[in-house]
Structures are given as structure tokens and as C-alpha cells.
């Protein structure tokens, strides 16, 4: 399996200490939400549609992922 990474656009965003490595699940979510308005509920719905997880787990994981994206400046 390949590796996935996300890097912000533009020269001012380049900081190789801030390259975000994504596992397969996070890469799937990233591809689904890229260039779209999204929130934790949308991400949780994507997890529920693709994986056999409880709603509670999906909501928790989605919230954590969205928080990481925001913290690392990967959202607008």
C-alpha cells in the first residue's frame, strides 16, 4: 500500500516539519472532502458509509480528524 501526505498550497505554507502523513482511512476522507465545505458530521457519515464502526466511534474519529486538519491549517 502507498503512503499519503497532505501539504498546504503556496510557498508560505511549505514547512517540511508540518507535512501531514495520512493512513488509508484519512486519505479516503481527504479525497472525499477536498475542495468541499465539510464538518464533523459529514466526515462521520463518510466513515459510517464505508466502515463497520459504531456511530459513536465515527463521530469521535471524525471530530478528531477535523480538529487535526484545522490545527494544521489544512482548512479554509
N, C-alpha and C. Protein backbone atom coordinates (compact mmCIF):
# COMPACT_ATOMS: atom_id res chain seq x y z
N UNK A 1 0.84 -1.17 0.00
CA UNK A 1 0.00 0.00 0.00
C UNK A 1 0.89 1.24 0.00
N UNK A 2 0.47 2.28 -0.71
CA UNK A 2 1.22 3.52 -0.78
C UNK A 2 1.05 4.35 0.47
N UNK A 3 1.83 5.41 0.51
CA UNK A 3 1.72 6.35 1.62
C UNK A 3 1.04 7.61 1.12
N UNK A 4 0.36 8.30 2.00
CA UNK A 4 -0.36 9.51 1.66
C UNK A 4 0.14 10.65 2.52
N UNK A 5 0.22 11.84 1.93
CA UNK A 5 0.63 13.03 2.68
C UNK A 5 -0.12 14.23 2.14
N UNK A 6 -0.33 15.22 3.00
CA UNK A 6 -1.00 16.45 2.62
C UNK A 6 -0.07 17.60 2.96
N UNK A 7 0.09 18.52 2.01
CA UNK A 7 0.93 19.70 2.22
C UNK A 7 0.12 20.90 1.76
N UNK A 8 0.11 21.98 2.55
CA UNK A 8 -0.62 23.19 2.18
C UNK A 8 -0.08 23.79 0.90
N UNK A 9 -0.95 24.50 0.18
CA UNK A 9 -0.56 25.14 -1.07
C UNK A 9 0.18 26.44 -0.83
N UNK A 10 1.01 26.83 -1.78
CA UNK A 10 1.70 28.12 -1.72
C UNK A 10 3.01 28.03 -0.96
N UNK A 11 3.96 28.84 -1.35
CA UNK A 11 5.28 28.81 -0.74
C UNK A 11 5.25 29.15 0.75
N UNK A 12 4.34 30.02 1.16
CA UNK A 12 4.28 30.38 2.56
C UNK A 12 3.78 29.22 3.43
N UNK A 13 3.19 28.22 2.82
CA UNK A 13 2.70 27.06 3.56
C UNK A 13 3.75 25.95 3.68
N UNK A 14 4.82 26.03 2.92
CA UNK A 14 5.80 24.95 2.93
C UNK A 14 6.61 24.99 4.21
N UNK A 15 6.48 23.96 4.98
CA UNK A 15 7.25 23.74 6.19
C UNK A 15 7.33 22.23 6.32
N UNK A 16 8.47 21.67 6.00
CA UNK A 16 8.58 20.22 5.95
C UNK A 16 8.45 19.57 7.32
N UNK A 17 8.41 20.35 8.38
CA UNK A 17 8.10 19.81 9.69
C UNK A 17 6.60 19.66 9.88
N UNK A 18 5.82 20.18 8.94
CA UNK A 18 4.37 20.15 9.05
C UNK A 18 3.71 19.32 7.96
N UNK A 19 4.45 18.42 7.33
CA UNK A 19 3.85 17.50 6.36
C UNK A 19 2.98 16.53 7.15
N UNK A 20 1.75 16.36 6.73
CA UNK A 20 0.81 15.52 7.44
C UNK A 20 0.72 14.17 6.72
N UNK A 21 1.11 13.13 7.41
CA UNK A 21 1.02 11.78 6.89
C UNK A 21 -0.37 11.23 7.18
N UNK A 22 -0.98 10.63 6.17
CA UNK A 22 -2.34 10.10 6.32
C UNK A 22 -2.35 8.59 6.19
N UNK A 23 -3.11 7.92 7.06
CA UNK A 23 -3.32 6.50 6.86
C UNK A 23 -4.39 6.33 5.78
N UNK A 24 -4.69 5.10 5.41
CA UNK A 24 -5.64 4.85 4.33
C UNK A 24 -7.02 5.45 4.57
N UNK A 25 -7.50 5.37 5.80
CA UNK A 25 -8.81 5.93 6.13
C UNK A 25 -8.81 7.44 6.01
N UNK A 26 -7.79 8.09 6.57
CA UNK A 26 -7.71 9.55 6.49
C UNK A 26 -7.55 10.00 5.04
N UNK A 27 -6.81 9.24 4.24
CA UNK A 27 -6.65 9.58 2.82
C UNK A 27 -7.99 9.48 2.09
N UNK A 28 -8.77 8.45 2.41
CA UNK A 28 -10.12 8.31 1.82
C UNK A 28 -10.97 9.53 2.17
N UNK A 29 -10.97 9.90 3.45
CA UNK A 29 -11.75 11.06 3.88
C UNK A 29 -11.28 12.32 3.17
N UNK A 30 -9.96 12.50 3.11
CA UNK A 30 -9.40 13.70 2.47
C UNK A 30 -9.88 13.79 1.02
N UNK A 31 -9.83 12.68 0.29
CA UNK A 31 -10.26 12.69 -1.11
C UNK A 31 -11.74 13.05 -1.24
N UNK A 32 -12.54 12.61 -0.28
CA UNK A 32 -13.98 12.88 -0.31
C UNK A 32 -14.33 14.32 0.05
N UNK A 33 -13.53 14.96 0.90
CA UNK A 33 -13.87 16.31 1.36
C UNK A 33 -13.07 17.40 0.66
N UNK A 34 -12.05 17.02 -0.09
CA UNK A 34 -11.20 18.01 -0.75
C UNK A 34 -12.03 18.94 -1.62
N UNK A 35 -11.79 20.23 -1.46
CA UNK A 35 -12.47 21.29 -2.22
C UNK A 35 -13.98 21.37 -1.94
N UNK A 36 -14.41 20.87 -0.78
CA UNK A 36 -15.82 20.93 -0.39
C UNK A 36 -15.92 21.57 0.99
N UNK A 37 -17.07 22.16 1.26
CA UNK A 37 -17.37 22.57 2.62
C UNK A 37 -17.73 21.29 3.38
N UNK A 38 -17.16 21.12 4.57
CA UNK A 38 -17.44 19.91 5.32
C UNK A 38 -17.44 20.23 6.81
N UNK A 39 -18.00 19.31 7.57
CA UNK A 39 -17.97 19.40 9.02
C UNK A 39 -17.80 17.99 9.58
N UNK A 40 -17.74 17.90 10.89
CA UNK A 40 -17.53 16.60 11.53
C UNK A 40 -18.64 15.61 11.21
N UNK A 41 -19.87 16.10 11.08
CA UNK A 41 -20.99 15.20 10.76
C UNK A 41 -20.81 14.57 9.39
N UNK A 42 -20.39 15.37 8.40
CA UNK A 42 -20.17 14.83 7.06
C UNK A 42 -19.07 13.77 7.09
N UNK A 43 -18.00 14.05 7.81
CA UNK A 43 -16.90 13.09 7.92
C UNK A 43 -17.37 11.81 8.62
N UNK A 44 -18.16 11.95 9.68
CA UNK A 44 -18.70 10.79 10.39
C UNK A 44 -19.58 9.96 9.45
N UNK A 45 -20.40 10.64 8.65
CA UNK A 45 -21.26 9.93 7.69
C UNK A 45 -20.44 9.15 6.68
N UNK A 46 -19.33 9.72 6.24
CA UNK A 46 -18.44 9.01 5.31
C UNK A 46 -17.86 7.77 5.97
N UNK A 47 -17.45 7.89 7.21
CA UNK A 47 -16.92 6.73 7.94
C UNK A 47 -17.97 5.64 8.09
N UNK A 48 -19.18 6.05 8.44
CA UNK A 48 -20.26 5.08 8.62
C UNK A 48 -20.62 4.38 7.32
N UNK A 49 -20.53 5.10 6.20
CA UNK A 49 -20.88 4.52 4.91
C UNK A 49 -19.85 3.50 4.43
N UNK A 50 -18.60 3.69 4.81
CA UNK A 50 -17.53 2.83 4.28
C UNK A 50 -17.07 1.75 5.25
N UNK A 51 -17.15 2.03 6.54
CA UNK A 51 -16.59 1.12 7.53
C UNK A 51 -17.64 0.61 8.50
N UNK A 52 -17.38 -0.54 9.05
CA UNK A 52 -18.28 -1.15 10.03
C UNK A 52 -17.87 -0.65 11.42
N UNK A 53 -18.29 0.57 11.73
CA UNK A 53 -17.99 1.18 13.03
C UNK A 53 -19.28 1.70 13.64
N UNK A 54 -19.27 1.87 14.94
CA UNK A 54 -20.45 2.43 15.61
C UNK A 54 -20.54 3.92 15.31
N UNK A 55 -21.74 4.46 15.47
CA UNK A 55 -21.92 5.89 15.26
C UNK A 55 -21.06 6.69 16.24
N UNK A 56 -20.98 6.22 17.46
CA UNK A 56 -20.17 6.89 18.49
C UNK A 56 -18.70 6.96 18.07
N UNK A 57 -18.17 5.85 17.57
CA UNK A 57 -16.77 5.82 17.11
C UNK A 57 -16.58 6.73 15.91
N UNK A 58 -17.51 6.70 14.97
CA UNK A 58 -17.40 7.55 13.78
C UNK A 58 -17.40 9.02 14.16
N UNK A 59 -18.27 9.41 15.06
CA UNK A 59 -18.35 10.82 15.49
C UNK A 59 -17.06 11.23 16.19
N UNK A 60 -16.57 10.38 17.06
CA UNK A 60 -15.34 10.68 17.80
C UNK A 60 -14.15 10.80 16.84
N UNK A 61 -14.01 9.83 15.95
CA UNK A 61 -12.90 9.85 14.99
C UNK A 61 -13.00 11.02 14.03
N UNK A 62 -14.21 11.33 13.58
CA UNK A 62 -14.41 12.45 12.66
C UNK A 62 -14.05 13.77 13.33
N UNK A 63 -14.47 13.94 14.56
CA UNK A 63 -14.15 15.17 15.29
C UNK A 63 -12.65 15.33 15.47
N UNK A 64 -11.97 14.24 15.79
CA UNK A 64 -10.52 14.29 15.96
C UNK A 64 -9.82 14.63 14.66
N UNK A 65 -10.27 14.05 13.55
CA UNK A 65 -9.65 14.33 12.26
C UNK A 65 -9.86 15.79 11.85
N UNK A 66 -11.08 16.27 11.97
CA UNK A 66 -11.37 17.66 11.60
C UNK A 66 -10.55 18.61 12.47
N UNK A 67 -10.44 18.32 13.74
CA UNK A 67 -9.63 19.15 14.63
C UNK A 67 -8.18 19.18 14.18
N UNK A 68 -7.62 18.05 13.80
CA UNK A 68 -6.23 17.99 13.31
C UNK A 68 -6.07 18.80 12.03
N UNK A 69 -7.03 18.71 11.12
CA UNK A 69 -6.95 19.47 9.88
C UNK A 69 -6.95 20.97 10.16
N UNK A 70 -7.81 21.40 11.08
CA UNK A 70 -7.88 22.81 11.45
C UNK A 70 -6.59 23.24 12.13
N UNK A 71 -6.12 22.47 13.09
CA UNK A 71 -4.90 22.80 13.83
C UNK A 71 -3.68 22.98 12.91
N UNK A 72 -3.67 22.19 11.83
CA UNK A 72 -2.53 22.22 10.93
C UNK A 72 -2.74 23.12 9.72
N UNK A 73 -3.79 23.93 9.76
CA UNK A 73 -4.02 24.90 8.70
C UNK A 73 -4.39 24.32 7.35
N UNK A 74 -5.02 23.17 7.37
CA UNK A 74 -5.37 22.49 6.12
C UNK A 74 -6.81 22.72 5.70
N UNK A 75 -7.48 23.65 6.38
CA UNK A 75 -8.85 24.01 6.02
C UNK A 75 -8.91 25.51 5.79
N UNK A 76 -9.93 25.94 5.10
CA UNK A 76 -10.10 27.37 4.85
C UNK A 76 -11.15 27.94 5.76
